[in-house]
Amino acid sequence: MSWPALEKGKIVFIDDARKLFCDADGKVDWKKVQERWDYLKTIRVSLANKYWTPEVCEQAKKLDAPDQVRLLNIMMGGLCNEDSGVGAYATRPEDYDQFSFFL
């Protein structure tokens, strides 16, 4: 998959970036997320793409839809920035508890 909207140095707004990883109904498309993490691993290994495993992906799929989007938001910095060394950024303290299977 080509990622022209995420060219290095280009500013991407969260709503536009989220559309790259969601289907037409706004649900997270985990296949697209996986493809992006796989691509990023060829450039740089971040903590997020290192720990994004098939088991973690399966747990993410089991979350309810709002929590799936919340997890996507946590990963957005890493998915959209090829030079991210961390790749996942919790937005609230409770994220560490709720998404501990990944964070």
PDB file of N, CA and C in Angstrom:
ATOM      1  N   MET A   1       0.837  -1.175   0.000  1.00  0.00           N
ATOM      2  CA  MET A   1       0.000   0.000   0.000  1.00  0.00           C
ATOM      3  C   MET A   1       0.886   1.244   0.000  1.00  0.00           C
ATOM      4  N   SER A   2       0.532   2.216  -0.777  1.00  0.00           N
ATOM      5  CA  SER A   2       1.252   3.469  -0.850  1.00  0.00           C
ATOM      6  C   SER A   2       0.734   4.422   0.233  1.00  0.00           C
ATOM      7  N   TRP A   3       1.618   5.235   0.786  1.00  0.00           N
ATOM      8  CA  TRP A   3       1.253   6.147   1.858  1.00  0.00           C
ATOM      9  C   TRP A   3       1.618   7.588   1.499  1.00  0.00           C
ATOM     10  N   PRO A   4       1.161   8.117   0.336  1.00  0.00           N
ATOM     11  CA  PRO A   4       1.552   9.474  -0.055  1.00  0.00           C
ATOM     12  C   PRO A   4       1.086  10.551   0.925  1.00  0.00           C
ATOM     13  N   ALA A   5      -0.024  10.314   1.614  1.00  0.00           N
ATOM     14  CA  ALA A   5      -0.523  11.307   2.567  1.00  0.00           C
ATOM     15  C   ALA A   5       0.391  11.440   3.778  1.00  0.00           C
ATOM     16  N   LEU A   6       1.310  10.494   3.948  1.00  0.00           N
ATOM     17  CA  LEU A   6       2.195  10.493   5.104  1.00  0.00           C
ATOM     18  C   LEU A   6       3.650  10.752   4.713  1.00  0.00           C
ATOM     19  N   GLU A   7       3.858  11.485   3.642  1.00  0.00           N
ATOM     20  CA  GLU A   7       5.210  11.794   3.206  1.00  0.00           C
ATOM     21  C   GLU A   7       5.945  12.539   4.308  1.00  0.00           C
ATOM     22  N   LYS A   8       7.232  12.252   4.436  1.00  0.00           N
ATOM     23  CA  LYS A   8       8.051  12.855   5.476  1.00  0.00           C
ATOM     24  C   LYS A   8       7.987  14.378   5.391  1.00  0.00           C
ATOM     25  N   GLY A   9       7.772  15.012   6.525  1.00  0.00           N
ATOM     26  CA  GLY A   9       7.726  16.454   6.606  1.00  0.00           C
ATOM     27  C   GLY A   9       6.382  17.075   6.303  1.00  0.00           C
ATOM     28  N   LYS A  10       5.446  16.277   5.846  1.00  0.00           N
ATOM     29  CA  LYS A  10       4.115  16.797   5.524  1.00  0.00           C
ATOM     30  C   LYS A  10       3.254  16.809   6.783  1.00  0.00           C
ATOM     31  N   ILE A  11       2.552  17.904   7.004  1.00  0.00           N
ATOM     32  CA  ILE A  11       1.651  18.002   8.148  1.00  0.00           C
ATOM     33  C   ILE A  11       0.365  17.246   7.831  1.00  0.00           C
ATOM     34  N   VAL A  12      -0.019  16.363   8.743  1.00  0.00           N
ATOM     35  CA  VAL A  12      -1.241  15.575   8.578  1.00  0.00           C
ATOM     36  C   VAL A  12      -2.113  15.810   9.805  1.00  0.00           C
ATOM     37  N   PHE A  13      -3.337  16.195   9.572  1.00  0.00           N
ATOM     38  CA  PHE A  13      -4.262  16.404  10.677  1.00  0.00           C
ATOM     39  C   PHE A  13      -4.854  15.073  11.107  1.00  0.00           C
ATOM     40  N   ILE A  14      -5.154  14.965  12.400  1.00  0.00           N
ATOM     41  CA  ILE A  14      -5.595  13.697  12.983  1.00  0.00           C
ATOM     42  C   ILE A  14      -6.813  13.112  12.269  1.00  0.00           C
ATOM     43  N   ASP A  15      -7.782  13.921  11.919  1.00  0.00           N
ATOM     44  CA  ASP A  15      -8.971  13.391  11.247  1.00  0.00           C
ATOM     45  C   ASP A  15      -8.625  12.810   9.881  1.00  0.00           C
ATOM     46  N   ASP A  16      -7.717  13.462   9.165  1.00  0.00           N
ATOM     47  CA  ASP A  16      -7.290  12.952   7.861  1.00  0.00           C
ATOM     48  C   ASP A  16      -6.462  11.682   8.021  1.00  0.00           C
ATOM     49  N   ALA A  17      -5.587  11.668   9.009  1.00  0.00           N
ATOM     50  CA  ALA A  17      -4.761  10.487   9.251  1.00  0.00           C
ATOM     51  C   ALA A  17      -5.622   9.302   9.672  1.00  0.00           C
ATOM     52  N   ARG A  18      -6.601   9.558  10.516  1.00  0.00           N
ATOM     53  CA  ARG A  18      -7.468   8.478  10.989  1.00  0.00           C
ATOM     54  C   ARG A  18      -8.178   7.800   9.821  1.00  0.00           C
ATOM     55  N   LYS A  19      -8.555   8.576   8.814  1.00  0.00           N
ATOM     56  CA  LYS A  19      -9.238   8.015   7.639  1.00  0.00           C
ATOM     57  C   LYS A  19      -8.370   7.003   6.899  1.00  0.00           C
ATOM     58  N   LEU A  20      -7.062   7.141   7.002  1.00  0.00           N
ATOM     59  CA  LEU A  20      -6.162   6.199   6.338  1.00  0.00           C
ATOM     60  C   LEU A  20      -6.238   4.803   6.955  1.00  0.00           C
ATOM     61  N   PHE A  21      -6.691   4.741   8.204  1.00  0.00           N
ATOM     62  CA  PHE A  21      -6.688   3.473   8.931  1.00  0.00           C
ATOM     63  C   PHE A  21      -8.087   3.007   9.328  1.00  0.00           C
ATOM     64  N   CYS A  22      -9.100   3.653   8.775  1.00  0.00           N
ATOM     65  CA  CYS A  22     -10.481   3.262   9.063  1.00  0.00           C
ATOM     66  C   CYS A  22     -11.213   2.949   7.762  1.00  0.00           C
ATOM     67  N   ASP A  23     -12.281   2.175   7.883  1.00  0.00           N
ATOM     68  CA  ASP A  23     -13.088   1.877   6.699  1.00  0.00           C
ATOM     69  C   ASP A  23     -14.107   2.995   6.479  1.00  0.00           C
ATOM     70  N   ALA A  24     -14.960   2.830   5.512  1.00  0.00           N
ATOM     71  CA  ALA A  24     -15.945   3.860   5.154  1.00  0.00           C
ATOM     72  C   ALA A  24     -16.925   4.149   6.288  1.00  0.00           C
ATOM     73  N   ASP A  25     -17.112   3.190   7.193  1.00  0.00           N
ATOM     74  CA  ASP A  25     -18.013   3.380   8.328  1.00  0.00           C
ATOM     75  C   ASP A  25     -17.317   3.975   9.548  1.00  0.00           C
ATOM     76  N   GLY A  26     -16.020   4.256   9.425  1.00  0.00           N
ATOM     77  CA  GLY A  26     -15.267   4.829  10.535  1.00  0.00           C
ATOM     78  C   GLY A  26     -14.727   3.812  11.520  1.00  0.00           C
ATOM     79  N   LYS A  27     -14.842   2.530  11.180  1.00  0.00           N
ATOM     80  CA  LYS A  27     -14.305   1.476  12.047  1.00  0.00           C
ATOM     81  C   LYS A  27     -12.837   1.244  11.705  1.00  0.00           C
ATOM     82  N   VAL A  28     -12.033   0.957  12.721  1.00  0.00           N
ATOM     83  CA  VAL A  28     -10.612   0.737  12.502  1.00  0.00           C
ATOM     84  C   VAL A  28     -10.410  -0.491  11.626  1.00  0.00           C
ATOM     85  N   ASP A  29      -9.617  -0.326  10.596  1.00  0.00           N
ATOM     86  CA  ASP A  29      -9.251  -1.430   9.702  1.00  0.00           C
ATOM     87  C   ASP A  29      -7.879  -1.919  10.147  1.00  0.00           C
ATOM     88  N   TRP A  30      -7.874  -2.966  10.938  1.00  0.00           N
ATOM     89  CA  TRP A  30      -6.624  -3.444  11.540  1.00  0.00           C
ATOM     90  C   TRP A  30      -5.660  -3.992  10.495  1.00  0.00           C
ATOM     91  N   LYS A  31      -6.165  -4.402   9.351  1.00  0.00           N
ATOM     92  CA  LYS A  31      -5.272  -4.852   8.278  1.00  0.00           C
ATOM     93  C   LYS A  31      -4.418  -3.680   7.781  1.00  0.00           C
ATOM     94  N   LYS A  32      -5.029  -2.512   7.644  1.00  0.00           N
ATOM     95  CA  LYS A  32      -4.281  -1.323   7.217  1.00  0.00           C
ATOM     96  C   LYS A  32      -3.258  -0.923   8.272  1.00  0.00           C
ATOM     97  N   VAL A  33      -3.648  -1.009   9.547  1.00  0.00           N
ATOM     98  CA  VAL A  33      -2.718  -0.701  10.632  1.00  0.00           C
ATOM     99  C   VAL A  33      -1.536  -1.664  10.570  1.00  0.00           C
ATOM    100  N   GLN A  34      -1.814  -2.947  10.398  1.00  0.00           N
ATOM    101  CA  GLN A  34      -0.748  -3.950  10.320  1.00  0.00           C
ATOM    102  C   GLN A  34       0.182  -3.681   9.140  1.00  0.00           C
ATOM    103  N   GLU A  35      -0.386  -3.348   7.995  1.00  0.00           N
ATOM    104  CA  GLU A  35       0.435  -3.048   6.815  1.00  0.00           C
ATOM    105  C   GLU A  35       1.366  -1.872   7.069  1.00  0.00           C
ATOM    106  N   ARG A  36       0.843  -0.856   7.747  1.00  0.00           N
ATOM    107  CA  ARG A  36       1.667   0.312   8.033  1.00  0.00           C
ATOM    108  C   ARG A  36       2.776  -0.031   9.019  1.00  0.00           C
ATOM    109  N   TRP A  37       2.467  -0.771  10.091  1.00  0.00           N
ATOM    110  CA  TRP A  37       3.514  -1.171  11.038  1.00  0.00           C
ATOM    111  C   TRP A  37       4.569  -2.012  10.330  1.00  0.00           C
ATOM    112  N   ASP A  38       4.144  -2.928   9.475  1.00  0.00           N
ATOM    113  CA  ASP A  38       5.104  -3.762   8.740  1.00  0.00           C
ATOM    114  C   ASP A  38       6.016  -2.907   7.864  1.00  0.00           C
ATOM    115  N   TYR A  39       5.436  -1.921   7.194  1.00  0.00           N
ATOM    116  CA  TYR A  39       6.231  -1.020   6.368  1.00  0.00           C
ATOM    117  C   TYR A  39       7.222  -0.234   7.229  1.00  0.00           C
ATOM    118  N   LEU A  40       6.746   0.294   8.347  1.00  0.00           N
ATOM    119  CA  LEU A  40       7.614   1.092   9.213  1.00  0.00           C
ATOM    120  C   LEU A  40       8.771   0.285   9.781  1.00  0.00           C
ATOM    121  N   LYS A  41       8.563  -1.006  10.002  1.00  0.00           N
ATOM    122  CA  LYS A  41       9.652  -1.860  10.492  1.00  0.00           C
ATOM    123  C   LYS A  41      10.812  -1.937   9.505  1.00  0.00           C
ATOM    124  N   THR A  42      10.526  -1.720   8.219  1.00  0.00           N
ATOM    125  CA  THR A  42      11.608  -1.753   7.216  1.00  0.00           C
ATOM    126  C   THR A  42      12.436  -0.474   7.252  1.00  0.00           C
ATOM    127  N   ILE A  43      11.900   0.578   7.882  1.00  0.00           N
ATOM    128  CA  ILE A  43      12.585   1.867   7.958  1.00  0.00           C
ATOM    129  C   ILE A  43      13.270   2.045   9.300  1.00  0.00           C
ATOM    130  N   ARG A  44      12.515   1.779  10.363  1.00  0.00           N
ATOM    131  CA  ARG A  44      13.010   1.984  11.722  1.00  0.00           C
ATOM    132  C   ARG A  44      12.137   1.174  12.669  1.00  0.00           C
ATOM    133  N   VAL A  45      12.762   0.506  13.601  1.00  0.00           N
ATOM    134  CA  VAL A  45      11.998  -0.236  14.592  1.00  0.00           C
ATOM    135  C   VAL A  45      11.722   0.691  15.773  1.00  0.00           C
ATOM    136  N   SER A  46      10.447   0.959  16.002  1.00  0.00           N
ATOM    137  CA  SER A  46      10.036   1.751  17.162  1.00  0.00           C
ATOM    138  C   SER A  46       9.544   0.779  18.236  1.00  0.00           C
ATOM    139  N   LEU A  47       9.346   1.285  19.427  1.00  0.00           N
ATOM    140  CA  LEU A  47       8.784   0.431  20.475  1.00  0.00           C
ATOM    141  C   LEU A  47       7.400  -0.066  20.078  1.00  0.00           C
ATOM    142  N   ALA A  48       6.607   0.809  19.439  1.00  0.00           N
ATOM    143  CA  ALA A  48       5.245   0.419  19.062  1.00  0.00           C
ATOM    144  C   ALA A  48       5.237  -0.673  18.008  1.00  0.00           C
ATOM    145  N   ASN A  49       6.006  -0.512  16.930  1.00  0.00           N
ATOM    146  CA  ASN A  49       5.938  -1.560  15.907  1.00  0.00           C
ATOM    147  C   ASN A  49       6.663  -2.823  16.346  1.00  0.00           C
ATOM    148  N   LYS A  50       7.577  -2.692  17.293  1.00  0.00           N
ATOM    149  CA  LYS A  50       8.237  -3.882  17.843  1.00  0.00           C
ATOM    150  C   LYS A  50       7.247  -4.736  18.647  1.00  0.00           C
ATOM    151  N   TYR A  51       6.382  -4.059  19.412  1.00  0.00           N
ATOM    152  CA  TYR A  51       5.460  -4.780  20.283  1.00  0.00           C
ATOM    153  C   TYR A  51       4.065  -4.958  19.691  1.00  0.00           C
ATOM    154  N   TRP A  52       3.874  -4.519  18.449  1.00  0.00           N
ATOM    155  CA  TRP A  52       2.605  -4.777  17.760  1.00  0.00           C
ATOM    156  C   TRP A  52       2.710  -6.174  17.166  1.00  0.00           C
ATOM    157  N   THR A  53       2.189  -7.143  17.866  1.00  0.00           N
ATOM    158  CA  THR A  53       2.270  -8.546  17.462  1.00  0.00           C
ATOM    159  C   THR A  53       0.899  -9.026  16.996  1.00  0.00           C
ATOM    160  N   PRO A  54       0.830 -10.182  16.369  1.00  0.00           N
ATOM    161  CA  PRO A  54      -0.489 -10.727  16.001  1.00  0.00           C
ATOM    162  C   PRO A  54      -1.414 -10.896  17.213  1.00  0.00           C
ATOM    163  N   GLU A  55      -0.834 -11.251  18.361  1.00  0.00           N
ATOM    164  CA  GLU A  55      -1.645 -11.416  19.574  1.00  0.00           C
ATOM    165  C   GLU A  55      -2.215 -10.071  20.033  1.00  0.00           C
ATOM    166  N   VAL A  56      -1.407  -9.032  19.967  1.00  0.00           N
ATOM    167  CA  VAL A  56      -1.872  -7.696  20.346  1.00  0.00           C
ATOM    168  C   VAL A  56      -2.965  -7.234  19.389  1.00  0.00           C
ATOM    169  N   CYS A  57      -2.772  -7.484  18.108  1.00  0.00           N
ATOM    170  CA  CYS A  57      -3.779  -7.109  17.115  1.00  0.00           C
ATOM    171  C   CYS A  57      -5.104  -7.814  17.392  1.00  0.00           C
ATOM    172  N   GLU A  58      -5.051  -9.080  17.734  1.00  0.00           N
ATOM    173  CA  GLU A  58      -6.278  -9.819  18.037  1.00  0.00           C
ATOM    174  C   GLU A  58      -6.983  -9.236  19.260  1.00  0.00           C
ATOM    175  N   GLN A  59      -6.229  -8.819  20.264  1.00  0.00           N
ATOM    176  CA  GLN A  59      -6.847  -8.193  21.438  1.00  0.00           C
ATOM    177  C   GLN A  59      -7.472  -6.863  21.060  1.00  0.00           C
ATOM    178  N   ALA A  60      -6.806  -6.110  20.190  1.00  0.00           N
ATOM    179  CA  ALA A  60      -7.342  -4.823  19.749  1.00  0.00           C
ATOM    180  C   ALA A  60      -8.675  -5.014  19.027  1.00  0.00           C
ATOM    181  N   LYS A  61      -8.775  -6.044  18.234  1.00  0.00           N
ATOM    182  CA  LYS A  61     -10.006  -6.319  17.487  1.00  0.00           C
ATOM    183  C   LYS A  61     -11.180  -6.633  18.404  1.00  0.00           C
ATOM    184  N   LYS A  62     -10.905  -7.113  19.615  1.00  0.00           N
ATOM    185  CA  LYS A  62     -11.952  -7.482  20.560  1.00  0.00           C
ATOM    186  C   LYS A  62     -12.494  -6.287  21.342  1.00  0.00           C
ATOM    187  N   LEU A  63     -11.811  -5.140  21.266  1.00  0.00           N
ATOM    188  CA  LEU A  63     -12.277  -3.946  21.961  1.00  0.00           C
ATOM    189  C   LEU A  63     -13.557  -3.433  21.304  1.00  0.00           C
ATOM    190  N   ASP A  64     -14.361  -2.709  22.075  1.00  0.00           N
ATOM    191  CA  ASP A  64     -15.529  -2.101  21.452  1.00  0.00           C
ATOM    192  C   ASP A  64     -15.053  -0.969  20.535  1.00  0.00           C
ATOM    193  N   ALA A  65     -15.912  -0.552  19.621  1.00  0.00           N
ATOM    194  CA  ALA A  65     -15.522   0.393  18.560  1.00  0.00           C
ATOM    195  C   ALA A  65     -14.910   1.691  19.085  1.00  0.00           C
ATOM    196  N   PRO A  66     -15.478   2.349  20.097  1.00  0.00           N
ATOM    197  CA  PRO A  66     -14.851   3.584  20.588  1.00  0.00           C
ATOM    198  C   PRO A  66     -13.445   3.358  21.151  1.00  0.00           C
ATOM    199  N   ASP A  67     -13.243   2.226  21.818  1.00  0.00           N
ATOM    200  CA  ASP A  67     -11.919   1.939  22.363  1.00  0.00           C
ATOM    201  C   ASP A  67     -10.922   1.564  21.268  1.00  0.00           C
ATOM    202  N   GLN A  68     -11.403   0.969  20.201  1.00  0.00           N
ATOM    203  CA  GLN A  68     -10.517   0.708  19.067  1.00  0.00           C
ATOM    204  C   GLN A  68     -10.012   2.019  18.480  1.00  0.00           C
ATOM    205  N   VAL A  69     -10.895   2.995  18.353  1.00  0.00           N
ATOM    206  CA  VAL A  69     -10.481   4.298  17.829  1.00  0.00           C
ATOM    207  C   VAL A  69      -9.524   4.970  18.802  1.00  0.00           C
ATOM    208  N   ARG A  70      -9.785   4.837  20.080  1.00  0.00           N
ATOM    209  CA  ARG A  70      -8.887   5.408  21.089  1.00  0.00           C
ATOM    210  C   ARG A  70      -7.499   4.785  20.987  1.00  0.00           C
ATOM    211  N   LEU A  71      -7.436   3.482  20.811  1.00  0.00           N
ATOM    212  CA  LEU A  71      -6.139   2.826  20.636  1.00  0.00           C
ATOM    213  C   LEU A  71      -5.466   3.301  19.354  1.00  0.00           C
ATOM    214  N   LEU A  72      -6.222   3.444  18.306  1.00  0.00           N
ATOM    215  CA  LEU A  72      -5.670   3.971  17.062  1.00  0.00           C
ATOM    216  C   LEU A  72      -5.085   5.361  17.292  1.00  0.00           C
ATOM    217  N   ASN A  73      -5.792   6.195  18.040  1.00  0.00           N
ATOM    218  CA  ASN A  73      -5.284   7.534  18.336  1.00  0.00           C
ATOM    219  C   ASN A  73      -3.957   7.474  19.086  1.00  0.00           C
ATOM    220  N   ILE A  74      -3.825   6.521  19.981  1.00  0.00           N
ATOM    221  CA  ILE A  74      -2.580   6.344  20.731  1.00  0.00           C
ATOM    222  C   ILE A  74      -1.435   5.984  19.783  1.00  0.00           C
ATOM    223  N   MET A  75      -1.739   5.217  18.755  1.00  0.00           N
ATOM    224  CA  MET A  75      -0.716   4.775  17.800  1.00  0.00           C
ATOM    225  C   MET A  75      -0.462   5.777  16.685  1.00  0.00           C
ATOM    226  N   MET A  76      -1.320   6.757  16.547  1.00  0.00           N
ATOM    227  CA  MET A  76      -1.268   7.654  15.396  1.00  0.00           C
ATOM    228  C   MET A  76       0.080   8.343  15.223  1.00  0.00           C
ATOM    229  N   GLY A  77       0.705   8.794  16.314  1.00  0.00           N
ATOM    230  CA  GLY A  77       2.009   9.443  16.204  1.00  0.00           C
ATOM    231  C   GLY A  77       3.053   8.543  15.575  1.00  0.00           C
ATOM    232  N   GLY A  78       3.014   7.280  15.915  1.00  0.00           N
ATOM    233  CA  GLY A  78       3.964   6.330  15.342  1.00  0.00           C
ATOM    234  C   GLY A  78       3.613   5.918  13.932  1.00  0.00           C
ATOM    235  N   LEU A  79       2.331   5.777  13.654  1.00  0.00           N
ATOM    236  CA  LEU A  79       1.901   5.378  12.318  1.00  0.00           C
ATOM    237  C   LEU A  79       2.164   6.471  11.289  1.00  0.00           C
ATOM    238  N   CYS A  80       2.113   7.720  11.715  1.00  0.00           N
ATOM    239  CA  CYS A  80       2.229   8.837  10.779  1.00  0.00           C
ATOM    240  C   CYS A  80       3.632   9.429  10.692  1.00  0.00           C
ATOM    241  N   ASN A  81       4.526   9.033  11.572  1.00  0.00           N
ATOM    242  CA  ASN A  81       5.875   9.595  11.589  1.00  0.00           C
ATOM    243  C   ASN A  81       6.914   8.490  11.476  1.00  0.00           C
ATOM    244  N   GLU A  82       7.540   8.410  10.332  1.00  0.00           N
ATOM    245  CA  GLU A  82       8.511   7.347  10.078  1.00  0.00           C
ATOM    246  C   GLU A  82       9.699   7.399  11.025  1.00  0.00           C
ATOM    247  N   ASP A  83       9.983   8.549  11.600  1.00  0.00           N
ATOM    248  CA  ASP A  83      11.159   8.661  12.454  1.00  0.00           C
ATOM    249  C   ASP A  83      10.838   8.546  13.946  1.00  0.00           C
ATOM    250  N   SER A  84       9.623   8.139  14.277  1.00  0.00           N
ATOM    251  CA  SER A  84       9.231   7.992  15.677  1.00  0.00           C
ATOM    252  C   SER A  84       9.966   6.821  16.319  1.00  0.00           C
ATOM    253  N   GLY A  85      10.612   7.083  17.428  1.00  0.00           N
ATOM    254  CA  GLY A  85      11.322   6.024  18.141  1.00  0.00           C
ATOM    255  C   GLY A  85      10.439   5.282  19.126  1.00  0.00           C
ATOM    256  N   VAL A  86       9.388   5.942  19.586  1.00  0.00           N
ATOM    257  CA  VAL A  86       8.475   5.319  20.537  1.00  0.00           C
ATOM    258  C   VAL A  86       7.271   4.764  19.785  1.00  0.00           C
ATOM    259  N   GLY A  87       6.521   5.622  19.108  1.00  0.00           N
ATOM    260  CA  GLY A  87       5.455   5.175  18.230  1.00  0.00           C
ATOM    261  C   GLY A  87       4.084   5.012  18.835  1.00  0.00           C
ATOM    262  N   ALA A  88       3.964   5.154  20.144  1.00  0.00           N
ATOM    263  CA  ALA A  88       2.652   5.087  20.798  1.00  0.00           C
ATOM    264  C   ALA A  88       2.684   6.075  21.954  1.00  0.00           C
ATOM    265  N   TYR A  89       1.640   6.882  22.030  1.00  0.00           N
ATOM    266  CA  TYR A  89       1.629   7.951  23.012  1.00  0.00           C
ATOM    267  C   TYR A  89       0.291   7.975  23.728  1.00  0.00           C
ATOM    268  N   ALA A  90       0.281   7.514  24.975  1.00  0.00           N
ATOM    269  CA  ALA A  90      -0.945   7.494  25.761  1.00  0.00           C
ATOM    270  C   ALA A  90      -1.450   8.922  25.926  1.00  0.00           C
ATOM    271  N   THR A  91      -2.754   9.080  25.868  1.00  0.00           N
ATOM    272  CA  THR A  91      -3.339  10.406  25.989  1.00  0.00           C
ATOM    273  C   THR A  91      -3.925  10.658  27.374  1.00  0.00           C
ATOM    274  N   ARG A  92      -4.126   9.587  28.122  1.00  0.00           N
ATOM    275  CA  ARG A  92      -4.676   9.687  29.475  1.00  0.00           C
ATOM    276  C   ARG A  92      -3.988   8.649  30.357  1.00  0.00           C
ATOM    277  N   PRO A  93      -3.869   8.909  31.648  1.00  0.00           N
ATOM    278  CA  PRO A  93      -3.229   7.919  32.534  1.00  0.00           C
ATOM    279  C   PRO A  93      -3.895   6.545  32.471  1.00  0.00           C
ATOM    280  N   GLU A  94      -5.221   6.529  32.356  1.00  0.00           N
ATOM    281  CA  GLU A  94      -5.925   5.237  32.336  1.00  0.00           C
ATOM    282  C   GLU A  94      -5.648   4.424  31.073  1.00  0.00           C
ATOM    283  N   ASP A  95      -5.073   5.051  30.056  1.00  0.00           N
ATOM    284  CA  ASP A  95      -4.699   4.305  28.842  1.00  0.00           C
ATOM    285  C   ASP A  95      -3.725   3.181  29.167  1.00  0.00           C
ATOM    286  N   TYR A  96      -2.843   3.431  30.121  1.00  0.00           N
ATOM    287  CA  TYR A  96      -1.851   2.421  30.471  1.00  0.00           C
ATOM    288  C   TYR A  96      -2.501   1.166  31.059  1.00  0.00           C
ATOM    289  N   ASP A  97      -3.599   1.345  31.758  1.00  0.00           N
ATOM    290  CA  ASP A  97      -4.328   0.196  32.302  1.00  0.00           C
ATOM    291  C   ASP A  97      -5.162  -0.480  31.230  1.00  0.00           C
ATOM    292  N   GLN A  98      -5.942   0.316  30.515  1.00  0.00           N
ATOM    293  CA  GLN A  98      -6.850  -0.261  29.529  1.00  0.00           C
ATOM    294  C   GLN A  98      -6.126  -0.939  28.371  1.00  0.00           C
ATOM    295  N   PHE A  99      -5.023  -0.351  27.952  1.00  0.00           N
ATOM    296  CA  PHE A  99      -4.307  -0.877  26.798  1.00  0.00           C
ATOM    297  C   PHE A  99      -2.951  -1.474  27.196  1.00  0.00           C
ATOM    298  N   SER A 100      -2.894  -2.013  28.394  1.00  0.00           N
ATOM    299  CA  SER A 100      -1.636  -2.579  28.895  1.00  0.00           C
ATOM    300  C   SER A 100      -1.150  -3.743  28.034  1.00  0.00           C
ATOM    301  N   PHE A 101      -2.037  -4.396  27.329  1.00  0.00           N
ATOM    302  CA  PHE A 101      -1.624  -5.496  26.447  1.00  0.00           C
ATOM    303  C   PHE A 101      -0.721  -5.000  25.319  1.00  0.00           C
ATOM    304  N   PHE A 102      -0.720  -3.698  25.066  1.00  0.00           N
ATOM    305  CA  PHE A 102       0.136  -3.106  24.029  1.00  0.00           C
ATOM    306  C   PHE A 102       1.164  -2.149  24.619  1.00  0.00           C
ATOM    307  N   LEU A 103       0.725  -1.296  25.525  1.00  0.00           N
ATOM    308  CA  LEU A 103       1.618  -0.292  26.094  1.00  0.00           C
ATOM    309  C   LEU A 103       2.514  -0.899  27.145  1.00  0.00           C
TER     310      LEU A 103
END
